[in-house]
Amino acid sequence: MAPGEQASVKGSLLLGLLKYAGEKLGEEGREKLLESLDDEDRAILYKTADSSEPAIISLAEWYPHKIFKDLMDTLIREVGKGDVNLSKEIGYWAGERDLDPNKGLYSFYTTDAYKGDITMVYKTSASAIWGQMYNKGKFEPEVIEKGMKIILKLRDFPEVTEAGCLLVGAWIERTSQIFSGAEIKVDTKYRPATDIDCEFHIELKSA
């Protein structure tokens, strides 16, 4: 499925949300959650919209951002009881999976070369990492204090939601903690109706 002009995400993001739902709700609970999605979403997750036979979701294929958003919203409603901050928990969970030294998508960031300087990784790699997962939007890094503070500004992705911003911010926080071996805090700002969609203030906390 080509990304085209519509906002799209890689299948790895969908598979992550599906795995999280299964861990939280069990297989039966996850199926009930997926049943609440609309036909357009179900036609992607199953052979057909009215089928119970799962479709194969490819890690590397592009899928509409809509289904990612809808699945996030459903998890927030059913698992988080309507609290959008569940997105932070999902972001932390995903960060730990992605930097798993044995099988994580970004396990190479756990090498000693990335210890300490949180600004280096996001100054050089933020845009590339984003582009591997989303077909729209771009990161603009601004180093405030070398090795200590950086601001990432996400632009040109008006489809992103508050839940999406919080998930990404939590992912950045947890992965930064893992690859730097330091205490990192990320302040996430959702800024709809401005020229900046999300803003992430990343800081190495002093001991």
N, C-alpha and C. Protein backbone atom coordinates (compact mmCIF):
# COMPACT_ATOMS: atom_id res chain seq x y z
N MET A 1 0.86 -1.20 0.00
CA MET A 1 0.00 0.00 0.00
C MET A 1 0.88 1.24 0.00
N ALA A 2 0.90 2.00 -1.06
CA ALA A 2 1.74 3.19 -1.14
C ALA A 2 1.19 4.29 -0.24
N PRO A 3 2.07 5.10 0.34
CA PRO A 3 1.60 6.13 1.25
C PRO A 3 0.79 7.22 0.58
N GLY A 4 1.10 7.54 -0.70
CA GLY A 4 0.33 8.57 -1.40
C GLY A 4 0.35 9.89 -0.66
N GLU A 5 -0.74 10.64 -0.78
CA GLU A 5 -0.84 11.95 -0.13
C GLU A 5 -1.45 11.86 1.26
N GLN A 6 -2.17 10.79 1.54
CA GLN A 6 -2.80 10.69 2.86
C GLN A 6 -1.74 10.41 3.92
N ALA A 7 -2.01 10.86 5.14
CA ALA A 7 -1.11 10.56 6.25
C ALA A 7 -1.09 9.06 6.49
N SER A 8 0.12 8.50 6.58
CA SER A 8 0.26 7.05 6.70
C SER A 8 1.30 6.71 7.75
N VAL A 9 1.19 5.48 8.28
CA VAL A 9 2.15 4.98 9.27
C VAL A 9 2.63 3.61 8.82
N LYS A 10 3.80 3.22 9.29
CA LYS A 10 4.31 1.89 9.00
C LYS A 10 3.56 0.84 9.81
N GLY A 11 3.47 -0.36 9.25
CA GLY A 11 2.77 -1.44 9.92
C GLY A 11 3.32 -1.78 11.28
N SER A 12 4.60 -1.50 11.51
CA SER A 12 5.18 -1.79 12.82
C SER A 12 4.47 -1.04 13.94
N LEU A 13 3.97 0.16 13.65
CA LEU A 13 3.24 0.92 14.67
C LEU A 13 1.90 0.26 14.97
N LEU A 14 1.21 -0.20 13.95
CA LEU A 14 -0.06 -0.91 14.17
C LEU A 14 0.15 -2.20 14.94
N LEU A 15 1.17 -2.95 14.55
CA LEU A 15 1.45 -4.22 15.22
C LEU A 15 1.79 -3.98 16.69
N GLY A 16 2.47 -2.88 16.97
CA GLY A 16 2.77 -2.55 18.36
C GLY A 16 1.52 -2.31 19.17
N LEU A 17 0.58 -1.52 18.62
CA LEU A 17 -0.67 -1.26 19.34
C LEU A 17 -1.49 -2.54 19.53
N LEU A 18 -1.49 -3.40 18.53
CA LEU A 18 -2.22 -4.67 18.64
C LEU A 18 -1.62 -5.56 19.71
N LYS A 19 -0.29 -5.58 19.78
CA LYS A 19 0.37 -6.39 20.80
C LYS A 19 0.09 -5.83 22.20
N TYR A 20 0.14 -4.52 22.32
CA TYR A 20 -0.17 -3.87 23.61
C TYR A 20 -1.59 -4.21 24.04
N ALA A 21 -2.53 -4.13 23.10
CA ALA A 21 -3.94 -4.45 23.42
C ALA A 21 -4.07 -5.89 23.89
N GLY A 22 -3.34 -6.81 23.24
CA GLY A 22 -3.40 -8.20 23.65
C GLY A 22 -2.83 -8.42 25.03
N GLU A 23 -1.74 -7.73 25.36
CA GLU A 23 -1.14 -7.88 26.68
C GLU A 23 -2.05 -7.32 27.77
N LYS A 24 -2.75 -6.25 27.47
CA LYS A 24 -3.61 -5.61 28.46
C LYS A 24 -4.96 -6.29 28.61
N LEU A 25 -5.51 -6.78 27.51
CA LEU A 25 -6.89 -7.26 27.51
C LEU A 25 -7.02 -8.76 27.28
N GLY A 26 -5.93 -9.41 26.88
CA GLY A 26 -6.02 -10.81 26.51
C GLY A 26 -6.57 -10.93 25.09
N GLU A 27 -6.50 -12.12 24.53
CA GLU A 27 -6.93 -12.32 23.14
C GLU A 27 -8.41 -12.00 22.94
N GLU A 28 -9.24 -12.47 23.87
CA GLU A 28 -10.69 -12.23 23.73
C GLU A 28 -11.01 -10.76 23.87
N GLY A 29 -10.37 -10.10 24.83
CA GLY A 29 -10.62 -8.68 25.03
C GLY A 29 -10.15 -7.84 23.86
N ARG A 30 -9.03 -8.23 23.28
CA ARG A 30 -8.54 -7.50 22.11
C ARG A 30 -9.52 -7.63 20.94
N GLU A 31 -10.07 -8.83 20.75
CA GLU A 31 -11.02 -9.03 19.65
C GLU A 31 -12.26 -8.17 19.85
N LYS A 32 -12.74 -8.08 21.08
CA LYS A 32 -13.90 -7.23 21.35
C LYS A 32 -13.58 -5.77 21.06
N LEU A 33 -12.36 -5.37 21.41
CA LEU A 33 -11.95 -3.99 21.14
C LEU A 33 -11.92 -3.72 19.64
N LEU A 34 -11.40 -4.67 18.87
CA LEU A 34 -11.31 -4.48 17.42
C LEU A 34 -12.68 -4.50 16.76
N GLU A 35 -13.62 -5.22 17.37
CA GLU A 35 -14.98 -5.26 16.83
C GLU A 35 -15.65 -3.90 16.87
N SER A 36 -15.18 -3.04 17.76
CA SER A 36 -15.80 -1.71 17.90
C SER A 36 -15.30 -0.72 16.85
N LEU A 37 -14.28 -1.10 16.09
CA LEU A 37 -13.78 -0.22 15.03
C LEU A 37 -14.73 -0.20 13.84
N ASP A 38 -14.62 0.82 13.02
CA ASP A 38 -15.54 0.91 11.87
C ASP A 38 -15.09 -0.04 10.75
N ASP A 39 -15.95 -0.16 9.75
CA ASP A 39 -15.69 -1.11 8.66
C ASP A 39 -14.40 -0.78 7.90
N GLU A 40 -14.10 0.48 7.75
CA GLU A 40 -12.89 0.88 7.03
C GLU A 40 -11.64 0.35 7.73
N ASP A 41 -11.63 0.45 9.06
CA ASP A 41 -10.50 -0.05 9.83
C ASP A 41 -10.46 -1.58 9.83
N ARG A 42 -11.62 -2.18 10.01
CA ARG A 42 -11.68 -3.64 10.07
C ARG A 42 -11.28 -4.28 8.74
N ALA A 43 -11.54 -3.59 7.65
CA ALA A 43 -11.16 -4.12 6.34
C ALA A 43 -9.65 -4.20 6.18
N ILE A 44 -8.91 -3.46 7.01
CA ILE A 44 -7.46 -3.52 6.99
C ILE A 44 -6.95 -4.61 7.94
N LEU A 45 -7.58 -4.74 9.08
CA LEU A 45 -7.12 -5.68 10.09
C LEU A 45 -7.58 -7.11 9.83
N TYR A 46 -8.66 -7.26 9.04
CA TYR A 46 -9.21 -8.58 8.74
C TYR A 46 -9.28 -8.77 7.22
N LYS A 47 -9.52 -9.99 6.81
CA LYS A 47 -9.62 -10.30 5.38
C LYS A 47 -10.65 -9.42 4.70
N THR A 48 -11.80 -9.23 5.38
CA THR A 48 -12.84 -8.30 4.94
C THR A 48 -13.40 -7.64 6.19
N ALA A 49 -14.21 -6.60 5.99
CA ALA A 49 -14.75 -5.86 7.13
C ALA A 49 -15.61 -6.73 8.04
N ASP A 50 -16.30 -7.74 7.46
CA ASP A 50 -17.18 -8.58 8.26
C ASP A 50 -16.57 -9.96 8.55
N SER A 51 -15.28 -10.09 8.33
CA SER A 51 -14.59 -11.36 8.57
C SER A 51 -13.99 -11.39 9.97
N SER A 52 -13.80 -12.59 10.49
CA SER A 52 -13.10 -12.75 11.76
C SER A 52 -11.69 -13.29 11.55
N GLU A 53 -11.31 -13.46 10.28
CA GLU A 53 -9.98 -13.98 9.96
C GLU A 53 -9.00 -12.81 9.80
N PRO A 54 -7.97 -12.75 10.65
CA PRO A 54 -7.05 -11.61 10.61
C PRO A 54 -6.31 -11.51 9.28
N ALA A 55 -6.07 -10.28 8.86
CA ALA A 55 -5.20 -10.03 7.72
C ALA A 55 -3.76 -10.01 8.20
N ILE A 56 -2.84 -10.13 7.29
CA ILE A 56 -1.43 -10.05 7.64
C ILE A 56 -0.99 -8.59 7.57
N ILE A 57 -0.56 -8.04 8.69
CA ILE A 57 -0.06 -6.67 8.74
C ILE A 57 1.45 -6.73 8.59
N SER A 58 1.97 -6.06 7.59
CA SER A 58 3.41 -6.08 7.32
C SER A 58 4.13 -4.99 8.10
N LEU A 59 5.26 -5.34 8.69
CA LEU A 59 6.08 -4.37 9.41
C LEU A 59 6.45 -3.18 8.54
N ALA A 60 6.76 -3.44 7.29
CA ALA A 60 7.34 -2.42 6.42
C ALA A 60 6.33 -1.73 5.51
N GLU A 61 5.08 -2.17 5.51
CA GLU A 61 4.09 -1.58 4.60
C GLU A 61 3.47 -0.34 5.23
N TRP A 62 2.97 0.55 4.37
CA TRP A 62 2.29 1.75 4.84
C TRP A 62 0.80 1.49 4.99
N TYR A 63 0.21 2.09 6.06
CA TYR A 63 -1.23 1.98 6.32
C TYR A 63 -1.77 3.37 6.68
N PRO A 64 -3.06 3.62 6.45
CA PRO A 64 -3.61 4.95 6.74
C PRO A 64 -3.42 5.34 8.21
N HIS A 65 -3.03 6.57 8.42
CA HIS A 65 -2.90 7.08 9.79
C HIS A 65 -4.22 6.97 10.54
N LYS A 66 -5.32 7.02 9.81
CA LYS A 66 -6.64 6.95 10.43
C LYS A 66 -6.79 5.72 11.32
N ILE A 67 -6.34 4.56 10.84
CA ILE A 67 -6.52 3.35 11.64
C ILE A 67 -5.64 3.38 12.89
N PHE A 68 -4.47 3.97 12.78
CA PHE A 68 -3.60 4.13 13.94
C PHE A 68 -4.27 5.05 14.97
N LYS A 69 -4.82 6.17 14.50
CA LYS A 69 -5.53 7.10 15.39
C LYS A 69 -6.75 6.43 16.03
N ASP A 70 -7.54 5.72 15.22
CA ASP A 70 -8.75 5.08 15.74
C ASP A 70 -8.41 4.01 16.78
N LEU A 71 -7.36 3.26 16.53
CA LEU A 71 -6.95 2.22 17.48
C LEU A 71 -6.45 2.85 18.77
N MET A 72 -5.70 3.94 18.66
CA MET A 72 -5.26 4.67 19.86
C MET A 72 -6.45 5.18 20.64
N ASP A 73 -7.40 5.80 19.95
CA ASP A 73 -8.59 6.34 20.63
C ASP A 73 -9.37 5.24 21.33
N THR A 74 -9.46 4.07 20.69
CA THR A 74 -10.20 2.96 21.28
C THR A 74 -9.48 2.42 22.51
N LEU A 75 -8.17 2.32 22.46
CA LEU A 75 -7.39 1.89 23.64
C LEU A 75 -7.55 2.88 24.78
N ILE A 76 -7.52 4.17 24.46
CA ILE A 76 -7.70 5.18 25.51
C ILE A 76 -9.07 5.05 26.15
N ARG A 77 -10.08 4.79 25.34
CA ARG A 77 -11.44 4.65 25.86
C ARG A 77 -11.61 3.37 26.68
N GLU A 78 -11.12 2.26 26.16
CA GLU A 78 -11.39 0.97 26.79
C GLU A 78 -10.38 0.59 27.87
N VAL A 79 -9.11 0.90 27.65
CA VAL A 79 -8.07 0.54 28.63
C VAL A 79 -7.81 1.70 29.58
N GLY A 80 -7.73 2.90 29.04
CA GLY A 80 -7.41 4.07 29.85
C GLY A 80 -8.62 4.75 30.46
N LYS A 81 -9.82 4.21 30.24
CA LYS A 81 -11.05 4.80 30.78
C LYS A 81 -11.20 6.27 30.38
N GLY A 82 -10.74 6.57 29.17
CA GLY A 82 -10.91 7.91 28.64
C GLY A 82 -9.76 8.86 28.94
N ASP A 83 -8.76 8.41 29.65
CA ASP A 83 -7.63 9.27 30.01
C ASP A 83 -6.58 9.23 28.91
N VAL A 84 -6.36 10.36 28.25
CA VAL A 84 -5.42 10.42 27.13
C VAL A 84 -3.99 10.09 27.56
N ASN A 85 -3.71 10.20 28.86
CA ASN A 85 -2.36 9.91 29.34
C ASN A 85 -1.99 8.44 29.23
N LEU A 86 -2.93 7.59 28.88
CA LEU A 86 -2.56 6.20 28.57
C LEU A 86 -1.53 6.18 27.44
N SER A 87 -1.59 7.19 26.58
CA SER A 87 -0.63 7.28 25.47
C SER A 87 0.80 7.28 25.98
N LYS A 88 1.03 7.89 27.14
CA LYS A 88 2.38 7.92 27.71
C LYS A 88 2.82 6.51 28.09
N GLU A 89 1.92 5.76 28.69
CA GLU A 89 2.25 4.38 29.06
C GLU A 89 2.60 3.57 27.81
N ILE A 90 1.82 3.76 26.76
CA ILE A 90 2.09 3.03 25.51
C ILE A 90 3.44 3.45 24.93
N GLY A 91 3.75 4.74 24.99
CA GLY A 91 5.02 5.24 24.49
C GLY A 91 6.20 4.65 25.25
N TYR A 92 6.09 4.57 26.57
CA TYR A 92 7.15 3.95 27.38
C TYR A 92 7.31 2.48 27.02
N TRP A 93 6.18 1.80 26.92
CA TRP A 93 6.18 0.38 26.58
C TRP A 93 6.84 0.15 25.22
N ALA A 94 6.49 0.97 24.25
CA ALA A 94 7.05 0.84 22.91
C ALA A 94 8.54 1.16 22.90
N GLY A 95 8.95 2.16 23.67
CA GLY A 95 10.36 2.52 23.73
C GLY A 95 11.22 1.37 24.25
N GLU A 96 10.74 0.68 25.27
CA GLU A 96 11.48 -0.45 25.82
C GLU A 96 11.57 -1.59 24.81
N ARG A 97 10.50 -1.81 24.05
CA ARG A 97 10.53 -2.86 23.02
C ARG A 97 11.49 -2.48 21.88
N ASP A 98 11.43 -1.21 21.46
CA ASP A 98 12.23 -0.80 20.31
C ASP A 98 13.73 -0.76 20.61
N LEU A 99 14.09 -0.59 21.89
CA LEU A 99 15.50 -0.58 22.23
C LEU A 99 15.94 -1.86 22.94
N ASP A 100 15.12 -2.90 22.86
CA ASP A 100 15.54 -4.19 23.38
C ASP A 100 16.85 -4.58 22.69
N PRO A 101 17.93 -4.83 23.44
CA PRO A 101 19.23 -5.09 22.80
C PRO A 101 19.26 -6.34 21.93
N ASN A 102 18.30 -7.24 22.11
CA ASN A 102 18.29 -8.48 21.35
C ASN A 102 17.46 -8.41 20.07
N LYS A 103 16.33 -7.72 20.13
CA LYS A 103 15.43 -7.74 18.97
C LYS A 103 14.73 -6.41 18.68
N GLY A 104 15.15 -5.34 19.36
CA GLY A 104 14.51 -4.05 19.15
C GLY A 104 14.85 -3.44 17.80
N LEU A 105 13.89 -2.68 17.23
CA LEU A 105 14.11 -2.03 15.94
C LEU A 105 15.28 -1.07 15.97
N TYR A 106 15.52 -0.44 17.12
CA TYR A 106 16.58 0.55 17.24
C TYR A 106 17.62 0.14 18.28
N SER A 107 17.89 -1.14 18.36
CA SER A 107 18.81 -1.65 19.38
C SER A 107 20.22 -1.09 19.22
N PHE A 108 20.58 -0.65 17.99
CA PHE A 108 21.95 -0.13 17.80
C PHE A 108 22.19 1.14 18.61
N TYR A 109 21.11 1.81 19.04
CA TYR A 109 21.28 3.01 19.87
C TYR A 109 21.65 2.67 21.31
N THR A 110 21.68 1.39 21.65
CA THR A 110 22.06 1.00 23.01
C THR A 110 23.57 0.82 23.14
N THR A 111 24.31 1.02 22.07
CA THR A 111 25.77 0.89 22.14
C THR A 111 26.35 2.08 22.90
N ASP A 112 27.59 1.91 23.39
CA ASP A 112 28.22 2.95 24.20
C ASP A 112 28.42 4.26 23.46
N ALA A 113 28.42 4.20 22.13
CA ALA A 113 28.65 5.42 21.34
C ALA A 113 27.59 6.49 21.62
N TYR A 114 26.42 6.09 22.10
CA TYR A 114 25.32 7.03 22.32
C TYR A 114 25.11 7.37 23.79
N LYS A 115 26.01 6.94 24.64
CA LYS A 115 25.88 7.25 26.06
C LYS A 115 26.18 8.72 26.30
N GLY A 116 25.39 9.32 27.15
CA GLY A 116 25.71 10.66 27.63
C GLY A 116 25.11 11.81 26.86
N ASP A 117 25.40 11.97 25.57
CA ASP A 117 24.99 13.15 24.83
C ASP A 117 23.62 12.95 24.19
N ILE A 118 22.58 13.45 24.84
CA ILE A 118 21.23 13.27 24.31
C ILE A 118 20.98 14.15 23.09
N THR A 119 21.73 15.24 22.96
CA THR A 119 21.48 16.14 21.83
C THR A 119 21.99 15.56 20.52
N MET A 120 23.06 14.76 20.57
CA MET A 120 23.65 14.26 19.34
C MET A 120 22.68 13.37 18.56
N VAL A 121 22.04 12.42 19.24
CA VAL A 121 21.16 11.48 18.56
C VAL A 121 20.01 12.19 17.88
N TYR A 122 19.37 13.10 18.60
CA TYR A 122 18.19 13.73 18.03
C TYR A 122 18.54 14.82 17.02
N LYS A 123 19.71 15.39 17.12
CA LYS A 123 20.12 16.37 16.12
C LYS A 123 20.41 15.68 14.80
N THR A 124 21.01 14.48 14.86
CA THR A 124 21.42 13.80 13.64
C THR A 124 20.43 12.76 13.13
N SER A 125 19.59 12.23 14.02
CA SER A 125 18.77 11.07 13.63
C SER A 125 17.27 11.26 13.74
N ALA A 126 16.80 12.34 14.37
CA ALA A 126 15.36 12.47 14.63
C ALA A 126 14.54 12.42 13.34
N SER A 127 14.97 13.15 12.32
CA SER A 127 14.19 13.19 11.09
C SER A 127 14.15 11.83 10.41
N ALA A 128 15.28 11.13 10.43
CA ALA A 128 15.34 9.81 9.78
C ALA A 128 14.45 8.81 10.50
N ILE A 129 14.50 8.82 11.83
CA ILE A 129 13.67 7.89 12.61
C ILE A 129 12.19 8.18 12.34
N TRP A 130 11.81 9.46 12.35
CA TRP A 130 10.42 9.82 12.09
C TRP A 130 9.98 9.35 10.71
N GLY A 131 10.82 9.58 9.71
CA GLY A 131 10.47 9.23 8.34
C GLY A 131 10.34 7.73 8.11
N GLN A 132 10.93 6.94 8.98
CA GLN A 132 10.79 5.49 8.87
C GLN A 132 9.42 5.02 9.36
N MET A 133 8.74 5.83 10.14
CA MET A 133 7.47 5.43 10.75
C MET A 133 6.26 6.20 10.20
N TYR A 134 6.46 7.46 9.79
CA TYR A 134 5.38 8.32 9.32
C TYR A 134 5.78 8.92 7.97
N ASN A 135 4.81 9.08 7.06
CA ASN A 135 5.13 9.63 5.75
C ASN A 135 4.93 11.14 5.70
N LYS A 136 4.43 11.74 6.76
CA LYS A 136 4.25 13.19 6.81
C LYS A 136 4.89 13.73 8.07
N GLY A 137 5.18 15.03 8.04
CA GLY A 137 5.77 15.68 9.19
C GLY A 137 7.28 15.65 9.14
N LYS A 138 7.89 16.63 9.78
CA LYS A 138 9.35 16.68 9.86
C LYS A 138 9.76 17.27 11.20
N PHE A 139 10.86 16.74 11.73
CA PHE A 139 11.41 17.22 12.99
C PHE A 139 12.44 18.31 12.73
N GLU A 140 12.39 19.36 13.53
CA GLU A 140 13.41 20.40 13.50
C GLU A 140 14.05 20.46 14.87
N PRO A 141 15.30 19.99 15.00
CA PRO A 141 15.97 19.99 16.30
C PRO A 141 16.65 21.34 16.58
N GLU A 142 16.55 21.77 17.81
CA GLU A 142 17.21 23.00 18.24
C GLU A 142 17.98 22.69 19.52
N VAL A 143 19.30 22.69 19.44
CA VAL A 143 20.12 22.41 20.61
C VAL A 143 20.17 23.65 21.49
N ILE A 144 19.75 23.49 22.73
CA ILE A 144 19.76 24.61 23.67
C ILE A 144 21.05 24.61 24.48
N GLU A 145 21.47 23.41 24.85
CA GLU A 145 22.72 23.26 25.61
C GLU A 145 23.31 21.90 25.24
N LYS A 146 24.46 21.91 24.61
CA LYS A 146 25.06 20.68 24.08
C LYS A 146 25.16 19.60 25.15
N GLY A 147 24.63 18.42 24.81
CA GLY A 147 24.69 17.29 25.73
C GLY A 147 23.66 17.33 26.84
N MET A 148 22.89 18.43 26.93
CA MET A 148 21.98 18.59 28.07
C MET A 148 20.54 18.87 27.68
N LYS A 149 20.32 19.75 26.73
CA LYS A 149 18.96 20.16 26.40
C LYS A 149 18.79 20.29 24.89
N ILE A 150 17.64 19.83 24.39
CA ILE A 150 17.30 19.98 22.98
C ILE A 150 15.79 20.09 22.85
N ILE A 151 15.34 20.86 21.88
CA ILE A 151 13.91 20.96 21.58
C ILE A 151 13.69 20.38 20.19
N LEU A 152 12.74 19.47 20.06
CA LEU A 152 12.34 18.94 18.77
C LEU A 152 10.97 19.52 18.42
N LYS A 153 10.87 20.12 17.25
CA LYS A 153 9.61 20.69 16.79
C LYS A 153 9.10 19.87 15.62
N LEU A 154 7.89 19.34 15.77
CA LEU A 154 7.27 18.57 14.69
C LEU A 154 6.35 19.49 13.90
N ARG A 155 6.61 19.59 12.60
CA ARG A 155 5.82 20.45 11.73
C ARG A 155 5.23 19.64 10.58
N ASP A 156 4.25 20.23 9.91
CA ASP A 156 3.68 19.69 8.66
C ASP A 156 2.98 18.35 8.85
N PHE A 157 2.40 18.15 10.01
CA PHE A 157 1.64 16.92 10.27
C PHE A 157 0.37 17.28 11.05
N PRO A 158 -0.56 18.02 10.40
CA PRO A 158 -1.76 18.49 11.10
C PRO A 158 -2.67 17.37 11.57
N GLU A 159 -2.50 16.16 11.01
CA GLU A 159 -3.35 15.03 11.42
C GLU A 159 -2.99 14.49 12.80
N VAL A 160 -1.82 14.85 13.31
CA VAL A 160 -1.40 14.30 14.59
C VAL A 160 -2.34 14.80 15.70
N THR A 161 -2.62 13.94 16.66
CA THR A 161 -3.53 14.26 17.76
C THR A 161 -2.74 14.44 19.06
N GLU A 162 -3.43 14.89 20.09
CA GLU A 162 -2.77 15.01 21.40
C GLU A 162 -2.24 13.66 21.85
N ALA A 163 -3.04 12.60 21.65
CA ALA A 163 -2.60 11.26 22.03
C ALA A 163 -1.33 10.88 21.28
N GLY A 164 -1.28 11.21 19.99
CA GLY A 164 -0.09 10.90 19.20
C GLY A 164 1.13 11.64 19.69
N CYS A 165 0.96 12.92 20.05
CA CYS A 165 2.08 13.70 20.58
C CYS A 165 2.58 13.11 21.89
N LEU A 166 1.66 12.78 22.78
CA LEU A 166 2.05 12.24 24.09
C LEU A 166 2.76 10.90 23.95
N LEU A 167 2.29 10.07 23.01
CA LEU A 167 2.94 8.78 22.78
C LEU A 167 4.38 8.99 22.32
N VAL A 168 4.56 9.88 21.34
CA VAL A 168 5.91 10.13 20.82
C VAL A 168 6.81 10.72 21.91
N GLY A 169 6.27 11.65 22.69
CA GLY A 169 7.06 12.25 23.77
C GLY A 169 7.52 11.22 24.79
N ALA A 170 6.63 10.31 25.15
CA ALA A 170 6.98 9.27 26.11
C ALA A 170 8.00 8.30 25.51
N TRP A 171 7.84 7.99 24.21
CA TRP A 171 8.80 7.13 23.52
C TRP A 171 10.19 7.78 23.53
N ILE A 172 10.23 9.07 23.23
CA ILE A 172 11.50 9.79 23.25
C ILE A 172 12.12 9.75 24.65
N GLU A 173 11.29 9.98 25.67
CA GLU A 173 11.80 9.99 27.04
C GLU A 173 12.40 8.64 27.43
N ARG A 174 11.66 7.56 27.17
CA ARG A 174 12.14 6.24 27.60
C ARG A 174 13.35 5.80 26.78
N THR A 175 13.32 6.01 25.46
CA THR A 175 14.48 5.60 24.66
C THR A 175 15.71 6.43 25.01
N SER A 176 15.51 7.71 25.30
CA SER A 176 16.64 8.57 25.70
C SER A 176 17.25 8.08 27.00
N GLN A 177 16.40 7.68 27.94
CA GLN A 177 16.91 7.14 29.20
C GLN A 177 17.74 5.89 28.98
N ILE A 178 17.26 5.04 28.06
CA ILE A 178 17.95 3.77 27.82
C ILE A 178 19.28 3.99 27.11
N PHE A 179 19.29 4.76 26.02
CA PHE A 179 20.54 4.85 25.27
C PHE A 179 21.56 5.76 25.94
N SER A 180 21.12 6.71 26.76
CA SER A 180 22.07 7.61 27.41
C SER A 180 22.52 7.09 28.77
N GLY A 181 21.71 6.23 29.38
CA GLY A 181 22.01 5.75 30.72
C GLY A 181 21.87 6.84 31.76
N ALA A 182 21.08 7.86 31.45
CA ALA A 182 20.92 9.01 32.35
C ALA A 182 19.45 9.28 32.62
N GLU A 183 19.19 10.16 33.57
CA GLU A 183 17.81 10.56 33.87
C GLU A 183 17.39 11.64 32.88
N ILE A 184 16.46 11.30 32.02
CA ILE A 184 15.98 12.22 30.99
C ILE A 184 14.51 12.53 31.25
N LYS A 185 14.14 13.78 31.07
CA LYS A 185 12.74 14.17 31.14
C LYS A 185 12.34 14.87 29.85
N VAL A 186 11.13 14.58 29.40
CA VAL A 186 10.62 15.21 28.18
C VAL A 186 9.30 15.89 28.50
N ASP A 187 9.24 17.16 28.22
CA ASP A 187 8.00 17.93 28.36
C ASP A 187 7.37 18.04 26.97
N THR A 188 6.20 17.41 26.80
CA THR A 188 5.54 17.38 25.50
C THR A 188 4.45 18.44 25.42
N LYS A 189 4.47 19.20 24.35
CA LYS A 189 3.47 20.25 24.15
C LYS A 189 2.73 19.97 22.84
N TYR A 190 1.42 19.81 22.93
CA TYR A 190 0.57 19.65 21.75
C TYR A 190 0.10 21.03 21.35
N ARG A 191 0.37 21.40 20.09
CA ARG A 191 0.11 22.78 19.69
C ARG A 191 -0.71 22.82 18.40
N PRO A 192 -1.97 22.41 18.47
CA PRO A 192 -2.82 22.47 17.27
C PRO A 192 -3.08 23.91 16.86
N ALA A 193 -3.39 24.07 15.59
CA ALA A 193 -3.73 25.39 15.04
C ALA A 193 -2.55 26.37 15.10
N THR A 194 -1.33 25.83 15.14
CA THR A 194 -0.14 26.68 15.02
C THR A 194 0.73 26.06 13.93
N ASP A 195 1.86 26.71 13.65
CA ASP A 195 2.74 26.15 12.62
C ASP A 195 3.61 25.02 13.18
N ILE A 196 3.50 24.77 14.50
CA ILE A 196 4.19 23.65 15.14
C ILE A 196 3.12 22.70 15.67
N ASP A 197 3.16 21.44 15.26
CA ASP A 197 2.13 20.49 15.68
C ASP A 197 2.41 19.92 17.07
N CYS A 198 3.64 19.53 17.32
CA CYS A 198 4.07 19.03 18.64
C CYS A 198 5.45 19.61 18.93
N GLU A 199 5.72 19.80 20.20
CA GLU A 199 7.03 20.28 20.61
C GLU A 199 7.49 19.43 21.78
N PHE A 200 8.76 18.98 21.72
CA PHE A 200 9.30 18.09 22.74
C PHE A 200 10.55 18.73 23.35
N HIS A 201 10.48 19.07 24.63
CA HIS A 201 11.61 19.66 25.34
C HIS A 201 12.31 18.53 26.09
N ILE A 202 13.52 18.17 25.63
CA ILE A 202 14.26 17.03 26.16
C ILE A 202 15.42 17.57 27.00
N GLU A 203 15.49 17.07 28.24
CA GLU A 203 16.50 17.61 29.15
C GLU A 203 17.14 16.48 29.95
N LEU A 204 18.47 16.54 30.04
CA LEU A 204 19.22 15.65 30.93
C LEU A 204 19.15 16.26 32.32
N LYS A 205 18.56 15.52 33.26
CA LYS A 205 18.39 16.03 34.62
C LYS A 205 19.67 15.87 35.42
N SER A 206 19.99 16.88 36.18
CA SER A 206 21.19 16.82 37.03
C SER A 206 20.93 15.87 38.21
N ALA A 207 21.98 15.22 38.65
CA ALA A 207 21.85 14.28 39.78
C ALA A 207 21.57 15.04 41.06
